[in-house]
Amino acid sequence: MGWLRVHRGDAPLILAFPHGGTELAGLDDQFVSPWRAQLDTDWWIAELYAFAADMGATLVATDISRSVIDMNRDPSGVSLYPGQATTELCPTTTFDGEPLYRFDAPDEAEIMQRLNSYHRPYHDTLTTELDRLKAAHGRVVLYDAHSIRSHVPRLFDGELPQFNIGSNDATTCAPELETMIANICAASGHSHVVNGRFKGGWTTRHYGRPEEGVHAIQMELAQRGYMTESAALTETAPLDPNPAIRPVLEQVIAATLDFAKGNS
């Protein structure tokens, strides 16, 4: 599976990147434009966290665009945020509400095909890696890494905090892990929130079983902290060569790894 990239480490920590891909799986002509289908990418997210590989973490990233199928949605299609604006398993609009498809949106058969081709293999891989590391260590953390534009009026009011920590209201990981990450973010001087607009997607909610030794937490970053955000609205979207928040993320990942190893 050339679209799925896995770096296997031996430490009890997995970083997952479900939304960093821009490949459209040969569906370019179905979308209004390829760029519109790529606009809501979590730009450069795997590159931002690449340092974690040197710490022994396992990294799992998909190159398939979230506009083809969203790896962080419930495969049944049930909304994660009832009553709030969101996008579907196979999105039909951008975050701004603009239509993605020229003509017809994918029907049930097409959605099932994408589910079997991409969503299920991605999660089968996460499951395999979690099982491998839990068997070796007894405890493992799944850190689901995301980013989004700082201003998306359809999804949230005003400017999004820099660090958005999600544990589905403290149910997907031990409270001490959530608190430890929040304290690091607070000490950074940047804004942060715990279980605000983004409480954790399907990945966090599906795998987080702290009572069984599997702790899952989501980090949604406002993109202004690590890239020239205005460029995300063009077709270049360059990565800032000196991401301001990377040192904070290095602290977060180091502390998360200590927790996973039972050292915190």
C-alpha atoms as a PDB file:
ATOM      1  CA  MET A   1       0.000   0.000   0.000  1.00  0.00           C
ATOM      2  CA  GLY A   2       2.033   2.907  -1.305  1.00  0.00           C
ATOM      3  CA  TRP A   3      -0.394   5.435   0.165  1.00  0.00           C
ATOM      4  CA  LEU A   4       0.194   4.229   3.737  1.00  0.00           C
ATOM      5  CA  ARG A   5       3.500   5.103   5.384  1.00  0.00           C
ATOM      6  CA  VAL A   6       4.566   3.330   8.571  1.00  0.00           C
ATOM      7  CA  HIS A   7       7.727   3.919  10.570  1.00  0.00           C
ATOM      8  CA  ARG A   8       7.921   1.186  13.202  1.00  0.00           C
ATOM      9  CA  GLY A   9       9.551   2.054  16.485  1.00  0.00           C
ATOM     10  CA  ASP A  10       9.891   0.068  19.705  1.00  0.00           C
ATOM     11  CA  ALA A  11       8.780   2.716  22.207  1.00  0.00           C
ATOM     12  CA  PRO A  12       5.203   2.511  23.569  1.00  0.00           C
ATOM     13  CA  LEU A  13       3.998   5.504  21.553  1.00  0.00           C
ATOM     14  CA  ILE A  14       2.220   5.814  18.199  1.00  0.00           C
ATOM     15  CA  LEU A  15       1.696   9.079  16.341  1.00  0.00           C
ATOM     16  CA  ALA A  16      -1.112   8.915  13.776  1.00  0.00           C
ATOM     17  CA  PHE A  17      -1.576  11.350  10.885  1.00  0.00           C
ATOM     18  CA  PRO A  18      -4.994  10.746   9.286  1.00  0.00           C
ATOM     19  CA  HIS A  19      -5.338  14.064   7.454  1.00  0.00           C
ATOM     20  CA  GLY A  20      -1.918  14.945   6.072  1.00  0.00           C
ATOM     21  CA  GLY A  21      -2.421  13.400   2.641  1.00  0.00           C
ATOM     22  CA  THR A  22      -3.150  15.185  -0.643  1.00  0.00           C
ATOM     23  CA  GLU A  23      -3.561  12.226  -3.040  1.00  0.00           C
ATOM     24  CA  LEU A  24      -7.004  12.077  -4.658  1.00  0.00           C
ATOM     25  CA  ALA A  25      -6.990   8.381  -5.622  1.00  0.00           C
ATOM     26  CA  GLY A  26      -7.614   9.089  -9.312  1.00  0.00           C
ATOM     27  CA  LEU A  27     -10.772  11.061  -8.541  1.00  0.00           C
ATOM     28  CA  ASP A  28      -9.406  14.455  -9.601  1.00  0.00           C
ATOM     29  CA  ASP A  29     -11.993  14.970 -12.341  1.00  0.00           C
ATOM     30  CA  GLN A  30     -14.889  14.347  -9.971  1.00  0.00           C
ATOM     31  CA  PHE A  31     -13.945  17.260  -7.737  1.00  0.00           C
ATOM     32  CA  VAL A  32     -14.673  20.892  -8.549  1.00  0.00           C
ATOM     33  CA  SER A  33     -10.889  21.268  -8.577  1.00  0.00           C
ATOM     34  CA  PRO A  34      -7.995  19.267  -7.130  1.00  0.00           C
ATOM     35  CA  TRP A  35      -6.989  22.248  -5.035  1.00  0.00           C
ATOM     36  CA  ARG A  36     -10.409  22.583  -3.446  1.00  0.00           C
ATOM     37  CA  ALA A  37     -10.216  18.912  -2.536  1.00  0.00           C
ATOM     38  CA  GLN A  38      -6.816  19.493  -0.895  1.00  0.00           C
ATOM     39  CA  LEU A  39      -7.565  22.791   0.853  1.00  0.00           C
ATOM     40  CA  ASP A  40      -8.438  21.297   4.248  1.00  0.00           C
ATOM     41  CA  THR A  41      -5.311  19.171   4.482  1.00  0.00           C
ATOM     42  CA  ASP A  42      -3.439  19.093   7.790  1.00  0.00           C
ATOM     43  CA  TRP A  43      -0.502  20.651   5.967  1.00  0.00           C
ATOM     44  CA  TRP A  44       2.967  19.248   6.685  1.00  0.00           C
ATOM     45  CA  ILE A  45       1.793  17.598   9.886  1.00  0.00           C
ATOM     46  CA  ALA A  46       3.913  14.437   9.572  1.00  0.00           C
ATOM     47  CA  GLU A  47       6.980  16.524   8.763  1.00  0.00           C
ATOM     48  CA  LEU A  48       6.365  18.669  11.825  1.00  0.00           C
ATOM     49  CA  TYR A  49       6.454  15.635  14.125  1.00  0.00           C
ATOM     50  CA  ALA A  50       9.181  13.722  12.266  1.00  0.00           C
ATOM     51  CA  PHE A  51      11.489  14.144  15.265  1.00  0.00           C
ATOM     52  CA  ALA A  52       9.390  11.569  17.153  1.00  0.00           C
ATOM     53  CA  ALA A  53      10.864   8.770  15.050  1.00  0.00           C
ATOM     54  CA  ASP A  54      14.264   9.433  16.616  1.00  0.00           C
ATOM     55  CA  MET A  55      12.648   8.980  20.038  1.00  0.00           C
ATOM     56  CA  GLY A  56      11.517   5.466  19.143  1.00  0.00           C
ATOM     57  CA  ALA A  57       7.897   6.271  18.326  1.00  0.00           C
ATOM     58  CA  THR A  58       5.891   4.521  15.618  1.00  0.00           C
ATOM     59  CA  LEU A  59       4.476   6.874  12.963  1.00  0.00           C
ATOM     60  CA  VAL A  60       1.463   5.978  10.808  1.00  0.00           C
ATOM     61  CA  ALA A  61       0.506   8.384   8.007  1.00  0.00           C
ATOM     62  CA  THR A  62      -1.823   8.219   5.031  1.00  0.00           C
ATOM     63  CA  ASP A  63      -1.175  10.036   1.751  1.00  0.00           C
ATOM     64  CA  ILE A  64      -4.879   9.847   0.809  1.00  0.00           C
ATOM     65  CA  SER A  65      -6.715  13.158   1.089  1.00  0.00           C
ATOM     66  CA  ARG A  66      -9.462  13.493   3.667  1.00  0.00           C
ATOM     67  CA  SER A  67     -11.694  14.614   0.773  1.00  0.00           C
ATOM     68  CA  VAL A  68     -11.560  11.060  -0.610  1.00  0.00           C
ATOM     69  CA  ILE A  69     -12.356   9.512   2.766  1.00  0.00           C
ATOM     70  CA  ASP A  70     -11.821  10.790   6.284  1.00  0.00           C
ATOM     71  CA  MET A  71      -9.789   8.288   8.299  1.00  0.00           C
ATOM     72  CA  ASN A  72     -10.908  10.006  11.510  1.00  0.00           C
ATOM     73  CA  ARG A  73     -14.648   9.506  11.028  1.00  0.00           C
ATOM     74  CA  ASP A  74     -16.874   6.729  12.312  1.00  0.00           C
ATOM     75  CA  PRO A  75     -17.099   4.178   9.461  1.00  0.00           C
ATOM     76  CA  SER A  76     -20.853   3.958  10.066  1.00  0.00           C
ATOM     77  CA  GLY A  77     -21.190   7.630   9.125  1.00  0.00           C
ATOM     78  CA  VAL A  78     -22.533   8.689  12.544  1.00  0.00           C
ATOM     79  CA  SER A  79     -21.638  12.303  13.369  1.00  0.00           C
ATOM     80  CA  LEU A  80     -19.020  12.851  16.057  1.00  0.00           C
ATOM     81  CA  TYR A  81     -20.424  16.279  16.883  1.00  0.00           C
ATOM     82  CA  PRO A  82     -24.252  16.107  16.717  1.00  0.00           C
ATOM     83  CA  GLY A  83     -25.822  19.492  16.102  1.00  0.00           C
ATOM     84  CA  GLN A  84     -22.567  21.097  14.983  1.00  0.00           C
ATOM     85  CA  ALA A  85     -21.233  21.724  11.505  1.00  0.00           C
ATOM     86  CA  THR A  86     -18.814  19.022  10.422  1.00  0.00           C
ATOM     87  CA  THR A  87     -17.835  16.970   7.384  1.00  0.00           C
ATOM     88  CA  GLU A  88     -18.853  13.425   6.515  1.00  0.00           C
ATOM     89  CA  LEU A  89     -16.999  10.127   6.175  1.00  0.00           C
ATOM     90  CA  CYS A  90     -16.668  10.964   2.480  1.00  0.00           C
ATOM     91  CA  PRO A  91     -16.943  14.759   2.621  1.00  0.00           C
ATOM     92  CA  THR A  92     -19.193  16.568   0.164  1.00  0.00           C
ATOM     93  CA  THR A  93     -18.123  20.088   1.185  1.00  0.00           C
ATOM     94  CA  THR A  94     -15.032  21.886   2.387  1.00  0.00           C
ATOM     95  CA  PHE A  95     -14.803  23.237   5.934  1.00  0.00           C
ATOM     96  CA  ASP A  96     -16.172  26.494   4.512  1.00  0.00           C
ATOM     97  CA  GLY A  97     -19.248  24.744   3.126  1.00  0.00           C
ATOM     98  CA  GLU A  98     -18.190  24.900  -0.528  1.00  0.00           C
ATOM     99  CA  PRO A  99     -19.204  21.875  -2.646  1.00  0.00           C
ATOM    100  CA  LEU A 100     -16.403  19.438  -3.414  1.00  0.00           C
ATOM    101  CA  TYR A 101     -17.989  17.575  -6.347  1.00  0.00           C
ATOM    102  CA  ARG A 102     -18.762  18.801  -9.837  1.00  0.00           C
ATOM    103  CA  PHE A 103     -21.866  16.674 -10.127  1.00  0.00           C
ATOM    104  CA  ASP A 104     -22.956  13.763  -7.933  1.00  0.00           C
ATOM    105  CA  ALA A 105     -21.476  13.037  -4.533  1.00  0.00           C
ATOM    106  CA  PRO A 106     -20.341   9.440  -3.919  1.00  0.00           C
ATOM    107  CA  ASP A 107     -23.190   6.964  -3.524  1.00  0.00           C
ATOM    108  CA  GLU A 108     -23.350   4.148  -0.974  1.00  0.00           C
ATOM    109  CA  ALA A 109     -21.453   1.705  -3.179  1.00  0.00           C
ATOM    110  CA  GLU A 110     -18.638   4.200  -3.802  1.00  0.00           C
ATOM    111  CA  ILE A 111     -18.390   5.037  -0.116  1.00  0.00           C
ATOM    112  CA  MET A 112     -18.098   1.330   0.712  1.00  0.00           C
ATOM    113  CA  GLN A 113     -15.363   0.917  -1.887  1.00  0.00           C
ATOM    114  CA  ARG A 114     -13.344   3.763  -0.353  1.00  0.00           C
ATOM    115  CA  LEU A 115     -13.974   2.385   3.111  1.00  0.00           C
ATOM    116  CA  ASN A 116     -12.568  -1.017   2.138  1.00  0.00           C
ATOM    117  CA  SER A 117      -9.675   0.386   0.113  1.00  0.00           C
ATOM    118  CA  TYR A 118      -8.417   3.028   2.550  1.00  0.00           C
ATOM    119  CA  HIS A 119     -10.200   3.503   5.863  1.00  0.00           C
ATOM    120  CA  ARG A 120     -10.124  -0.127   6.981  1.00  0.00           C
ATOM    121  CA  PRO A 121      -6.487  -0.809   5.999  1.00  0.00           C
ATOM    122  CA  TYR A 122      -5.417   2.350   7.817  1.00  0.00           C
ATOM    123  CA  HIS A 123      -7.161   1.286  11.003  1.00  0.00           C
ATOM    124  CA  ASP A 124      -6.085  -2.330  10.655  1.00  0.00           C
ATOM    125  CA  THR A 125      -2.532  -0.998  10.669  1.00  0.00           C
ATOM    126  CA  LEU A 126      -3.130   1.125  13.775  1.00  0.00           C
ATOM    127  CA  THR A 127      -4.671  -1.872  15.518  1.00  0.00           C
ATOM    128  CA  THR A 128      -1.712  -4.092  14.619  1.00  0.00           C
ATOM    129  CA  GLU A 129       0.805  -1.544  15.892  1.00  0.00           C
ATOM    130  CA  LEU A 130      -1.125  -0.900  19.100  1.00  0.00           C
ATOM    131  CA  ASP A 131      -1.362  -4.630  19.798  1.00  0.00           C
ATOM    132  CA  ARG A 132       2.355  -5.078  19.101  1.00  0.00           C
ATOM    133  CA  LEU A 133       3.445  -2.310  21.447  1.00  0.00           C
ATOM    134  CA  LYS A 134       0.958  -3.099  24.187  1.00  0.00           C
ATOM    135  CA  ALA A 135       2.132  -6.707  24.207  1.00  0.00           C
ATOM    136  CA  ALA A 136       5.705  -5.511  24.614  1.00  0.00           C
ATOM    137  CA  HIS A 137       5.111  -2.775  27.192  1.00  0.00           C
ATOM    138  CA  GLY A 138       1.744  -3.316  28.850  1.00  0.00           C
ATOM    139  CA  ARG A 139       0.798   0.308  28.218  1.00  0.00           C
ATOM    140  CA  VAL A 140       0.777   2.375  25.038  1.00  0.00           C
ATOM    141  CA  VAL A 141      -0.252   5.882  23.987  1.00  0.00           C
ATOM    142  CA  LEU A 142      -1.858   6.779  20.663  1.00  0.00           C
ATOM    143  CA  TYR A 143      -1.297  10.452  19.875  1.00  0.00           C
ATOM    144  CA  ASP A 144      -3.575  11.557  17.035  1.00  0.00           C
ATOM    145  CA  ALA A 145      -1.945  14.551  15.331  1.00  0.00           C
ATOM    146  CA  HIS A 146      -3.995  17.188  13.495  1.00  0.00           C
ATOM    147  CA  SER A 147      -3.953  20.806  12.389  1.00  0.00           C
ATOM    148  CA  ILE A 148      -6.435  23.286  10.955  1.00  0.00           C
ATOM    149  CA  ARG A 149      -6.640  26.907   9.876  1.00  0.00           C
ATOM    150  CA  SER A 150      -6.881  29.351  12.763  1.00  0.00           C
ATOM    151  CA  HIS A 151     -10.095  30.854  11.395  1.00  0.00           C
ATOM    152  CA  VAL A 152     -12.904  28.668  10.026  1.00  0.00           C
ATOM    153  CA  PRO A 153     -16.150  30.544  10.824  1.00  0.00           C
ATOM    154  CA  ARG A 154     -18.392  27.660   9.790  1.00  0.00           C
ATOM    155  CA  LEU A 155     -16.772  25.381  12.372  1.00  0.00           C
ATOM    156  CA  PHE A 156     -15.938  27.719  15.264  1.00  0.00           C
ATOM    157  CA  ASP A 157     -16.114  31.371  16.320  1.00  0.00           C
ATOM    158  CA  GLY A 158     -13.103  33.648  16.300  1.00  0.00           C
ATOM    159  CA  GLU A 159      -9.522  32.417  16.417  1.00  0.00           C
ATOM    160  CA  LEU A 160      -8.858  28.837  17.447  1.00  0.00           C
ATOM    161  CA  PRO A 161      -6.485  28.341  20.388  1.00  0.00           C
ATOM    162  CA  GLN A 162      -2.995  27.256  19.362  1.00  0.00           C
ATOM    163  CA  PHE A 163      -3.196  23.902  21.150  1.00  0.00           C
ATOM    164  CA  ASN A 164      -6.477  21.972  21.242  1.00  0.00           C
ATOM    165  CA  ILE A 165      -6.239  18.866  23.395  1.00  0.00           C
ATOM    166  CA  GLY A 166      -8.979  16.264  23.058  1.00  0.00           C
ATOM    167  CA  SER A 167      -9.767  13.242  25.224  1.00  0.00           C
ATOM    168  CA  ASN A 168     -13.539  13.068  24.665  1.00  0.00           C
ATOM    169  CA  ASP A 169     -14.162  14.677  28.043  1.00  0.00           C
ATOM    170  CA  ALA A 170     -11.418  12.769  29.873  1.00  0.00           C
ATOM    171  CA  THR A 171     -12.575   9.305  28.820  1.00  0.00           C
ATOM    172  CA  THR A 172      -9.896   8.197  26.340  1.00  0.00           C
ATOM    173  CA  CYS A 173      -6.749   8.544  28.458  1.00  0.00           C
ATOM    174  CA  ALA A 174      -5.609   8.819  32.046  1.00  0.00           C
ATOM    175  CA  PRO A 175      -6.284  12.249  33.581  1.00  0.00           C
ATOM    176  CA  GLU A 176      -2.602  12.683  34.410  1.00  0.00           C
ATOM    177  CA  LEU A 177      -1.620  12.414  30.735  1.00  0.00           C
ATOM    178  CA  GLU A 178      -4.158  15.053  29.736  1.00  0.00           C
ATOM    179  CA  THR A 179      -3.085  17.346  32.590  1.00  0.00           C
ATOM    180  CA  MET A 180       0.608  16.911  31.831  1.00  0.00           C
ATOM    181  CA  ILE A 181       0.156  17.891  28.176  1.00  0.00           C
ATOM    182  CA  ALA A 182      -2.106  20.812  29.103  1.00  0.00           C
ATOM    183  CA  ASN A 183       0.466  22.109  31.594  1.00  0.00           C
ATOM    184  CA  ILE A 184       3.218  22.063  28.970  1.00  0.00           C
ATOM    185  CA  CYS A 185       1.010  23.966  26.539  1.00  0.00           C
ATOM    186  CA  ALA A 186       0.015  26.486  29.214  1.00  0.00           C
ATOM    187  CA  ALA A 187       3.647  27.108  30.142  1.00  0.00           C
ATOM    188  CA  SER A 188       4.516  27.788  26.497  1.00  0.00           C
ATOM    189  CA  GLY A 189       2.725  31.122  26.556  1.00  0.00           C
ATOM    190  CA  HIS A 190       0.494  30.102  23.651  1.00  0.00           C
ATOM    191  CA  SER A 191      -3.255  29.679  24.002  1.00  0.00           C
ATOM    192  CA  HIS A 192      -4.654  26.228  24.675  1.00  0.00           C
ATOM    193  CA  VAL A 193      -7.889  24.466  25.542  1.00  0.00           C
ATOM    194  CA  VAL A 194      -8.827  20.989  26.734  1.00  0.00           C
ATOM    195  CA  ASN A 195     -11.917  19.375  25.206  1.00  0.00           C
ATOM    196  CA  GLY A 196     -13.052  22.555  23.513  1.00  0.00           C
ATOM    197  CA  ARG A 197     -14.348  22.545  19.937  1.00  0.00           C
ATOM    198  CA  PHE A 198     -12.244  19.480  19.133  1.00  0.00           C
ATOM    199  CA  LYS A 199     -12.697  16.758  21.748  1.00  0.00           C
ATOM    200  CA  GLY A 200     -11.132  13.954  19.762  1.00  0.00           C
ATOM    201  CA  GLY A 201     -12.325  12.231  16.621  1.00  0.00           C
ATOM    202  CA  TRP A 202     -13.232   8.630  15.941  1.00  0.00           C
ATOM    203  CA  THR A 203      -9.622   7.464  16.267  1.00  0.00           C
ATOM    204  CA  THR A 204      -9.276   8.776  19.799  1.00  0.00           C
ATOM    205  CA  ARG A 205     -12.711   7.573  20.870  1.00  0.00           C
ATOM    206  CA  HIS A 206     -12.410   4.160  19.232  1.00  0.00           C
ATOM    207  CA  TYR A 207      -8.998   3.177  20.597  1.00  0.00           C
ATOM    208  CA  GLY A 208      -8.845   5.006  23.916  1.00  0.00           C
ATOM    209  CA  ARG A 209      -9.294   2.363  26.627  1.00  0.00           C
ATOM    210  CA  PRO A 210      -7.196   3.618  29.541  1.00  0.00           C
ATOM    211  CA  GLU A 211      -8.509   0.902  31.838  1.00  0.00           C
ATOM    212  CA  GLU A 212      -6.976  -1.621  29.397  1.00  0.00           C
ATOM    213  CA  GLY A 213      -3.668   0.198  29.045  1.00  0.00           C
ATOM    214  CA  VAL A 214      -4.393   1.991  25.758  1.00  0.00           C
ATOM    215  CA  HIS A 215      -4.406   5.771  26.162  1.00  0.00           C
ATOM    216  CA  ALA A 216      -5.491   7.934  23.221  1.00  0.00           C
ATOM    217  CA  ILE A 217      -5.324  11.702  22.936  1.00  0.00           C
ATOM    218  CA  GLN A 218      -5.808  14.147  20.070  1.00  0.00           C
ATOM    219  CA  MET A 219      -3.858  17.312  19.443  1.00  0.00           C
ATOM    220  CA  GLU A 220      -5.367  19.806  17.006  1.00  0.00           C
ATOM    221  CA  LEU A 221      -2.954  22.614  16.188  1.00  0.00           C
ATOM    222  CA  ALA A 222      -3.851  26.005  14.782  1.00  0.00           C
ATOM    223  CA  GLN A 223      -1.669  26.184  11.687  1.00  0.00           C
ATOM    224  CA  ARG A 224      -0.371  29.674  12.426  1.00  0.00           C
ATOM    225  CA  GLY A 225       2.090  28.145  14.891  1.00  0.00           C
ATOM    226  CA  TYR A 226       4.135  26.246  12.353  1.00  0.00           C
ATOM    227  CA  MET A 227       3.531  27.562   8.854  1.00  0.00           C
ATOM    228  CA  THR A 228       2.748  30.686   6.889  1.00  0.00           C
ATOM    229  CA  GLU A 229      -0.962  30.244   7.284  1.00  0.00           C
ATOM    230  CA  SER A 230      -2.098  32.557   4.506  1.00  0.00           C
ATOM    231  CA  ALA A 231      -0.244  30.296   2.068  1.00  0.00           C
ATOM    232  CA  ALA A 232      -2.658  27.475   2.896  1.00  0.00           C
ATOM    233  CA  LEU A 233      -5.206  29.316   0.748  1.00  0.00           C
ATOM    234  CA  THR A 234      -2.979  29.156  -2.308  1.00  0.00           C
ATOM    235  CA  GLU A 235      -1.517  26.156  -4.091  1.00  0.00           C
ATOM    236  CA  THR A 236       1.912  26.456  -2.489  1.00  0.00           C
ATOM    237  CA  ALA A 237       1.408  26.219   1.295  1.00  0.00           C
ATOM    238  CA  PRO A 238       5.097  26.310   2.267  1.00  0.00           C
ATOM    239  CA  LEU A 239       6.255  25.114   5.642  1.00  0.00           C
ATOM    240  CA  ASP A 240       7.764  27.797   7.852  1.00  0.00           C
ATOM    241  CA  PRO A 241      11.449  26.806   8.108  1.00  0.00           C
ATOM    242  CA  ASN A 242      11.450  27.573  11.850  1.00  0.00           C
ATOM    243  CA  PRO A 243       8.108  26.433  13.257  1.00  0.00           C
ATOM    244  CA  ALA A 244       7.570  28.436  16.441  1.00  0.00           C
ATOM    245  CA  ILE A 245       5.766  25.683  18.306  1.00  0.00           C
ATOM    246  CA  ARG A 246       8.035  22.733  17.480  1.00  0.00           C
ATOM    247  CA  PRO A 247       9.989  23.024  20.774  1.00  0.00           C
ATOM    248  CA  VAL A 248       6.684  22.815  22.638  1.00  0.00           C
ATOM    249  CA  LEU A 249       5.687  19.729  20.665  1.00  0.00           C
ATOM    250  CA  GLU A 250       9.054  18.160  21.422  1.00  0.00           C
ATOM    251  CA  GLN A 251       8.311  18.636  25.132  1.00  0.00           C
ATOM    252  CA  VAL A 252       4.807  17.230  24.707  1.00  0.00           C
ATOM    253  CA  ILE A 253       6.006  14.109  22.915  1.00  0.00           C
ATOM    254  CA  ALA A 254       8.870  13.546  25.373  1.00  0.00           C
ATOM    255  CA  ALA A 255       6.477  13.818  28.324  1.00  0.00           C
ATOM    256  CA  THR A 256       3.933  11.564  26.613  1.00  0.00           C
ATOM    257  CA  LEU A 257       6.633   8.966  26.052  1.00  0.00           C
ATOM    258  CA  ASP A 258       7.681   9.174  29.709  1.00  0.00           C
ATOM    259  CA  PHE A 259       4.061   8.584  30.686  1.00  0.00           C
ATOM    260  CA  ALA A 260       3.798   5.603  28.340  1.00  0.00           C
ATOM    261  CA  LYS A 261       6.936   4.129  29.873  1.00  0.00           C
ATOM    262  CA  GLY A 262       5.570   4.646  33.371  1.00  0.00           C
ATOM    263  CA  ASN A 263       8.199   7.258  34.224  1.00  0.00           C
ATOM    264  CA  SER A 264       5.890  10.212  34.873  1.00  0.00           C
END
